[in-house]
Amino acid sequence: MDTNATLKAHLLELEERLLQPAVRTSVEELSALLDDDFFEFGSSGAVWYRQEGLHAEGIGIVNMTLNDFEIHPLSPDTTLTTYRIFNENKQQYSLRSSIWRYSDGRWQMFFHQGTPVPE
């Protein structure tokens, strides 16, 4: 498996890809990055499941900046990522956490949560 530095760089790249308009509007790209059983507790309080929420237009475009990225390996094939997001559209900060699982030669996001915070 990857060293921590390599793993951190790779998962940061995947998290940043999920913020890109071309990825967020592509069912093919999203399907490659999100586990079949993916679910999310959004910063809005909404719960989102991949099986119910992934539509032909994807998941919508956002303008967000990611900072303070860290990884927390839970097992050889499961890692928690944590970071801070600034949503430029909503002028809102949130703390984010994702659980990534390694299977079939790739990492996929299994869970994500956003928690709004003051600046």
N, C-alpha and C. Protein backbone atom coordinates (compact mmCIF):
# COMPACT_ATOMS: atom_id res chain seq x y z
N MET A 1 0.86 -1.19 0.00
CA MET A 1 0.00 0.00 0.00
C MET A 1 0.89 1.24 0.00
N ASP A 2 0.32 2.39 -0.16
CA ASP A 2 1.04 3.66 -0.24
C ASP A 2 1.67 4.06 1.09
N THR A 3 2.75 4.82 1.01
CA THR A 3 3.26 5.48 2.21
C THR A 3 2.28 6.59 2.59
N ASN A 4 2.36 7.08 3.82
CA ASN A 4 1.42 8.13 4.24
C ASN A 4 1.52 9.39 3.39
N ALA A 5 2.73 9.82 3.03
CA ALA A 5 2.88 11.04 2.22
C ALA A 5 2.28 10.85 0.83
N THR A 6 2.53 9.70 0.24
CA THR A 6 1.98 9.41 -1.08
C THR A 6 0.46 9.28 -1.01
N LEU A 7 -0.01 8.60 0.01
CA LEU A 7 -1.45 8.44 0.20
C LEU A 7 -2.12 9.79 0.41
N LYS A 8 -1.52 10.63 1.23
CA LYS A 8 -2.08 11.96 1.48
C LYS A 8 -2.18 12.77 0.19
N ALA A 9 -1.13 12.76 -0.61
CA ALA A 9 -1.14 13.49 -1.88
C ALA A 9 -2.21 12.95 -2.82
N HIS A 10 -2.35 11.62 -2.86
CA HIS A 10 -3.32 11.01 -3.76
C HIS A 10 -4.76 11.33 -3.33
N LEU A 11 -5.05 11.19 -2.04
CA LEU A 11 -6.41 11.46 -1.58
C LEU A 11 -6.75 12.95 -1.67
N LEU A 12 -5.76 13.82 -1.47
CA LEU A 12 -6.00 15.25 -1.67
C LEU A 12 -6.38 15.51 -3.13
N GLU A 13 -5.68 14.87 -4.04
CA GLU A 13 -6.00 15.02 -5.47
C GLU A 13 -7.43 14.56 -5.75
N LEU A 14 -7.84 13.44 -5.17
CA LEU A 14 -9.20 12.93 -5.39
C LEU A 14 -10.24 13.88 -4.79
N GLU A 15 -9.98 14.38 -3.58
CA GLU A 15 -10.92 15.33 -2.96
C GLU A 15 -11.04 16.59 -3.83
N GLU A 16 -9.92 17.09 -4.33
CA GLU A 16 -9.94 18.29 -5.18
C GLU A 16 -10.66 18.02 -6.50
N ARG A 17 -10.52 16.81 -7.04
CA ARG A 17 -11.24 16.47 -8.28
C ARG A 17 -12.74 16.56 -8.06
N LEU A 18 -13.19 16.15 -6.88
CA LEU A 18 -14.63 16.19 -6.59
C LEU A 18 -15.18 17.61 -6.49
N LEU A 19 -14.31 18.60 -6.49
CA LEU A 19 -14.75 20.00 -6.48
C LEU A 19 -14.78 20.60 -7.88
N GLN A 20 -14.22 19.90 -8.86
CA GLN A 20 -14.11 20.43 -10.22
C GLN A 20 -15.43 20.30 -10.99
N PRO A 21 -15.85 21.35 -11.69
CA PRO A 21 -17.10 21.30 -12.45
C PRO A 21 -17.16 20.12 -13.43
N ALA A 22 -16.08 19.83 -14.12
CA ALA A 22 -16.10 18.74 -15.11
C ALA A 22 -16.37 17.39 -14.46
N VAL A 23 -15.92 17.22 -13.24
CA VAL A 23 -16.15 15.96 -12.51
C VAL A 23 -17.55 15.96 -11.90
N ARG A 24 -17.95 17.06 -11.30
CA ARG A 24 -19.24 17.13 -10.62
C ARG A 24 -20.43 17.01 -11.58
N THR A 25 -20.20 17.27 -12.86
CA THR A 25 -21.28 17.16 -13.85
C THR A 25 -21.17 15.90 -14.70
N SER A 26 -20.28 15.00 -14.34
CA SER A 26 -20.08 13.77 -15.10
C SER A 26 -20.44 12.55 -14.25
N VAL A 27 -21.50 11.87 -14.63
CA VAL A 27 -21.90 10.65 -13.92
C VAL A 27 -20.78 9.62 -13.98
N GLU A 28 -20.09 9.53 -15.10
CA GLU A 28 -18.99 8.57 -15.25
C GLU A 28 -17.87 8.87 -14.26
N GLU A 29 -17.46 10.13 -14.18
CA GLU A 29 -16.39 10.52 -13.24
C GLU A 29 -16.82 10.30 -11.80
N LEU A 30 -18.04 10.72 -11.47
CA LEU A 30 -18.53 10.56 -10.10
C LEU A 30 -18.65 9.08 -9.73
N SER A 31 -19.10 8.26 -10.66
CA SER A 31 -19.22 6.83 -10.39
C SER A 31 -17.87 6.19 -10.11
N ALA A 32 -16.82 6.71 -10.73
CA ALA A 32 -15.48 6.19 -10.48
C ALA A 32 -14.96 6.59 -9.10
N LEU A 33 -15.39 7.76 -8.60
CA LEU A 33 -14.88 8.28 -7.34
C LEU A 33 -15.74 7.93 -6.13
N LEU A 34 -17.03 7.72 -6.34
CA LEU A 34 -17.94 7.45 -5.22
C LEU A 34 -18.32 5.98 -5.18
N ASP A 35 -18.13 5.36 -4.03
CA ASP A 35 -18.49 3.97 -3.80
C ASP A 35 -19.99 3.77 -4.08
N ASP A 36 -20.37 2.58 -4.50
CA ASP A 36 -21.78 2.29 -4.76
C ASP A 36 -22.65 2.57 -3.54
N ASP A 37 -22.10 2.36 -2.34
CA ASP A 37 -22.85 2.56 -1.10
C ASP A 37 -22.58 3.93 -0.46
N PHE A 38 -22.03 4.87 -1.23
CA PHE A 38 -21.71 6.20 -0.71
C PHE A 38 -22.93 6.90 -0.14
N PHE A 39 -22.71 7.61 0.99
CA PHE A 39 -23.73 8.51 1.52
C PHE A 39 -23.05 9.70 2.18
N GLU A 40 -23.81 10.78 2.33
CA GLU A 40 -23.27 12.04 2.84
C GLU A 40 -24.25 12.71 3.79
N PHE A 41 -23.70 13.28 4.86
CA PHE A 41 -24.44 14.21 5.71
C PHE A 41 -23.92 15.59 5.32
N GLY A 42 -24.71 16.32 4.54
CA GLY A 42 -24.27 17.59 4.00
C GLY A 42 -24.25 18.71 5.03
N SER A 43 -23.52 19.77 4.71
CA SER A 43 -23.44 20.92 5.62
C SER A 43 -24.80 21.61 5.76
N SER A 44 -25.71 21.33 4.84
CA SER A 44 -27.07 21.87 4.92
C SER A 44 -27.95 21.07 5.87
N GLY A 45 -27.46 19.90 6.28
CA GLY A 45 -28.24 19.00 7.12
C GLY A 45 -28.92 17.90 6.32
N ALA A 46 -28.86 18.00 5.00
CA ALA A 46 -29.48 16.99 4.15
C ALA A 46 -28.63 15.72 4.11
N VAL A 47 -29.31 14.58 3.98
CA VAL A 47 -28.63 13.30 3.81
C VAL A 47 -28.76 12.93 2.34
N TRP A 48 -27.64 12.53 1.74
CA TRP A 48 -27.61 12.24 0.31
C TRP A 48 -27.01 10.85 0.09
N TYR A 49 -27.68 10.03 -0.71
CA TYR A 49 -27.21 8.68 -1.05
C TYR A 49 -26.91 8.63 -2.54
N ARG A 50 -25.79 8.05 -2.89
CA ARG A 50 -25.41 7.97 -4.30
C ARG A 50 -26.50 7.30 -5.13
N GLN A 51 -27.04 6.20 -4.64
CA GLN A 51 -28.02 5.44 -5.41
C GLN A 51 -29.28 6.26 -5.72
N GLU A 52 -29.60 7.23 -4.87
CA GLU A 52 -30.81 8.04 -5.07
C GLU A 52 -30.53 9.42 -5.65
N GLY A 53 -29.32 9.93 -5.46
CA GLY A 53 -29.06 11.33 -5.77
C GLY A 53 -28.22 11.61 -7.00
N LEU A 54 -27.67 10.58 -7.62
CA LEU A 54 -26.81 10.80 -8.79
C LEU A 54 -27.67 10.82 -10.04
N HIS A 55 -27.80 12.00 -10.64
CA HIS A 55 -28.65 12.19 -11.81
C HIS A 55 -27.79 12.42 -13.05
N ALA A 56 -28.42 12.46 -14.20
CA ALA A 56 -27.71 12.62 -15.47
C ALA A 56 -26.84 13.87 -15.50
N GLU A 57 -27.24 14.93 -14.78
CA GLU A 57 -26.46 16.17 -14.77
C GLU A 57 -25.40 16.19 -13.67
N GLY A 58 -25.25 15.08 -12.96
CA GLY A 58 -24.25 15.00 -11.90
C GLY A 58 -24.79 15.54 -10.59
N ILE A 59 -23.92 16.23 -9.83
CA ILE A 59 -24.31 16.70 -8.50
C ILE A 59 -24.23 18.22 -8.36
N GLY A 60 -24.01 18.91 -9.46
CA GLY A 60 -24.02 20.37 -9.42
C GLY A 60 -22.65 20.99 -9.22
N ILE A 61 -22.50 22.18 -9.74
CA ILE A 61 -21.23 22.90 -9.70
C ILE A 61 -21.14 23.73 -8.42
N VAL A 62 -19.96 23.72 -7.80
CA VAL A 62 -19.70 24.52 -6.61
C VAL A 62 -18.40 25.29 -6.80
N ASN A 63 -18.23 26.33 -6.03
CA ASN A 63 -16.98 27.10 -6.05
C ASN A 63 -16.43 27.08 -4.63
N MET A 64 -15.55 26.11 -4.36
CA MET A 64 -15.04 25.89 -3.01
C MET A 64 -13.53 25.83 -3.00
N THR A 65 -12.96 26.27 -1.87
CA THR A 65 -11.52 26.22 -1.65
C THR A 65 -11.24 25.29 -0.49
N LEU A 66 -10.31 24.36 -0.69
CA LEU A 66 -9.98 23.35 0.31
C LEU A 66 -8.67 23.72 1.01
N ASN A 67 -8.64 23.62 2.36
CA ASN A 67 -7.45 23.92 3.16
C ASN A 67 -7.29 22.92 4.29
N ASP A 68 -6.12 22.93 4.92
CA ASP A 68 -5.85 22.17 6.14
C ASP A 68 -6.14 20.67 5.99
N PHE A 69 -5.73 20.11 4.87
CA PHE A 69 -6.00 18.71 4.56
C PHE A 69 -5.12 17.77 5.38
N GLU A 70 -5.73 16.77 5.98
CA GLU A 70 -5.01 15.74 6.74
C GLU A 70 -5.62 14.38 6.46
N ILE A 71 -4.82 13.33 6.66
CA ILE A 71 -5.34 11.97 6.57
C ILE A 71 -5.17 11.29 7.91
N HIS A 72 -6.05 10.33 8.16
CA HIS A 72 -6.04 9.54 9.39
C HIS A 72 -6.32 8.09 8.99
N PRO A 73 -5.26 7.31 8.69
CA PRO A 73 -5.48 5.92 8.29
C PRO A 73 -6.20 5.13 9.39
N LEU A 74 -7.24 4.43 9.00
CA LEU A 74 -8.02 3.62 9.94
C LEU A 74 -7.66 2.14 9.83
N SER A 75 -7.24 1.73 8.65
CA SER A 75 -6.79 0.37 8.38
C SER A 75 -6.00 0.43 7.08
N PRO A 76 -5.39 -0.66 6.65
CA PRO A 76 -4.62 -0.60 5.40
C PRO A 76 -5.45 -0.18 4.18
N ASP A 77 -6.76 -0.41 4.22
CA ASP A 77 -7.59 -0.09 3.05
C ASP A 77 -8.68 0.94 3.34
N THR A 78 -8.60 1.62 4.47
CA THR A 78 -9.61 2.62 4.82
C THR A 78 -8.92 3.82 5.47
N THR A 79 -9.23 5.02 4.96
CA THR A 79 -8.61 6.24 5.48
C THR A 79 -9.65 7.34 5.64
N LEU A 80 -9.56 8.03 6.76
CA LEU A 80 -10.38 9.21 7.02
C LEU A 80 -9.59 10.43 6.58
N THR A 81 -10.22 11.30 5.79
CA THR A 81 -9.61 12.58 5.44
C THR A 81 -10.39 13.68 6.15
N THR A 82 -9.68 14.71 6.58
CA THR A 82 -10.33 15.86 7.21
C THR A 82 -9.75 17.14 6.61
N TYR A 83 -10.59 18.15 6.47
CA TYR A 83 -10.13 19.42 5.91
C TYR A 83 -11.17 20.49 6.14
N ARG A 84 -10.82 21.68 5.75
CA ARG A 84 -11.68 22.85 5.88
C ARG A 84 -12.02 23.34 4.47
N ILE A 85 -13.26 23.73 4.28
CA ILE A 85 -13.74 24.24 2.99
C ILE A 85 -14.29 25.65 3.17
N PHE A 86 -14.02 26.49 2.18
CA PHE A 86 -14.73 27.77 2.09
C PHE A 86 -15.59 27.72 0.85
N ASN A 87 -16.90 27.81 1.03
CA ASN A 87 -17.85 27.83 -0.07
C ASN A 87 -18.02 29.28 -0.50
N GLU A 88 -17.45 29.60 -1.65
CA GLU A 88 -17.46 30.99 -2.11
C GLU A 88 -18.85 31.45 -2.52
N ASN A 89 -19.69 30.53 -2.96
CA ASN A 89 -21.06 30.90 -3.35
C ASN A 89 -21.88 31.31 -2.13
N LYS A 90 -21.74 30.55 -1.04
CA LYS A 90 -22.52 30.80 0.17
C LYS A 90 -21.78 31.65 1.19
N GLN A 91 -20.49 31.94 0.91
CA GLN A 91 -19.65 32.66 1.87
C GLN A 91 -19.70 31.96 3.23
N GLN A 92 -19.45 30.63 3.19
CA GLN A 92 -19.58 29.81 4.39
C GLN A 92 -18.38 28.87 4.53
N TYR A 93 -17.89 28.74 5.76
CA TYR A 93 -16.84 27.78 6.07
C TYR A 93 -17.47 26.51 6.61
N SER A 94 -16.81 25.38 6.37
CA SER A 94 -17.26 24.13 6.98
C SER A 94 -16.07 23.20 7.17
N LEU A 95 -16.20 22.34 8.17
CA LEU A 95 -15.24 21.27 8.37
C LEU A 95 -15.76 20.06 7.61
N ARG A 96 -14.86 19.36 6.95
CA ARG A 96 -15.25 18.22 6.12
C ARG A 96 -14.50 16.97 6.56
N SER A 97 -15.17 15.85 6.44
CA SER A 97 -14.51 14.57 6.67
C SER A 97 -15.05 13.57 5.65
N SER A 98 -14.16 12.73 5.17
CA SER A 98 -14.53 11.70 4.20
C SER A 98 -13.87 10.39 4.61
N ILE A 99 -14.56 9.31 4.35
CA ILE A 99 -13.96 7.98 4.53
C ILE A 99 -13.76 7.40 3.13
N TRP A 100 -12.50 7.07 2.85
CA TRP A 100 -12.11 6.48 1.56
C TRP A 100 -11.76 5.02 1.77
N ARG A 101 -12.22 4.16 0.84
CA ARG A 101 -11.89 2.72 0.90
C ARG A 101 -11.14 2.33 -0.37
N TYR A 102 -10.12 1.50 -0.18
CA TYR A 102 -9.33 0.99 -1.30
C TYR A 102 -9.84 -0.39 -1.66
N SER A 103 -10.29 -0.55 -2.90
CA SER A 103 -10.82 -1.83 -3.37
C SER A 103 -10.65 -1.90 -4.88
N ASP A 104 -10.36 -3.07 -5.38
CA ASP A 104 -10.22 -3.28 -6.83
C ASP A 104 -9.22 -2.31 -7.45
N GLY A 105 -8.14 -2.01 -6.71
CA GLY A 105 -7.07 -1.19 -7.26
C GLY A 105 -7.31 0.30 -7.28
N ARG A 106 -8.33 0.78 -6.55
CA ARG A 106 -8.59 2.23 -6.55
C ARG A 106 -9.25 2.65 -5.22
N TRP A 107 -9.10 3.93 -4.94
CA TRP A 107 -9.73 4.53 -3.77
C TRP A 107 -11.07 5.13 -4.18
N GLN A 108 -12.11 4.86 -3.38
CA GLN A 108 -13.42 5.46 -3.60
C GLN A 108 -13.94 6.02 -2.27
N MET A 109 -14.64 7.14 -2.37
CA MET A 109 -15.24 7.74 -1.18
C MET A 109 -16.48 6.95 -0.79
N PHE A 110 -16.52 6.55 0.47
CA PHE A 110 -17.64 5.79 1.01
C PHE A 110 -18.59 6.68 1.81
N PHE A 111 -18.03 7.68 2.50
CA PHE A 111 -18.83 8.55 3.37
C PHE A 111 -18.24 9.96 3.35
N HIS A 112 -19.12 10.96 3.49
CA HIS A 112 -18.67 12.35 3.57
C HIS A 112 -19.59 13.11 4.50
N GLN A 113 -19.02 14.04 5.27
CA GLN A 113 -19.82 14.91 6.14
C GLN A 113 -19.27 16.32 6.10
N GLY A 114 -20.18 17.28 6.04
CA GLY A 114 -19.83 18.69 6.13
C GLY A 114 -20.51 19.31 7.34
N THR A 115 -19.75 20.03 8.15
CA THR A 115 -20.28 20.68 9.35
C THR A 115 -19.97 22.17 9.27
N PRO A 116 -21.00 23.03 9.17
CA PRO A 116 -20.74 24.47 9.10
C PRO A 116 -20.06 24.96 10.38
N VAL A 117 -19.13 25.89 10.20
CA VAL A 117 -18.44 26.51 11.34
C VAL A 117 -18.28 28.00 11.07
N PRO A 118 -18.15 28.79 12.14
CA PRO A 118 -17.83 30.20 11.91
C PRO A 118 -16.41 30.30 11.36
N GLU A 119 -16.08 31.42 10.82
CA GLU A 119 -14.75 31.64 10.23
C GLU A 119 -13.68 31.05 11.11
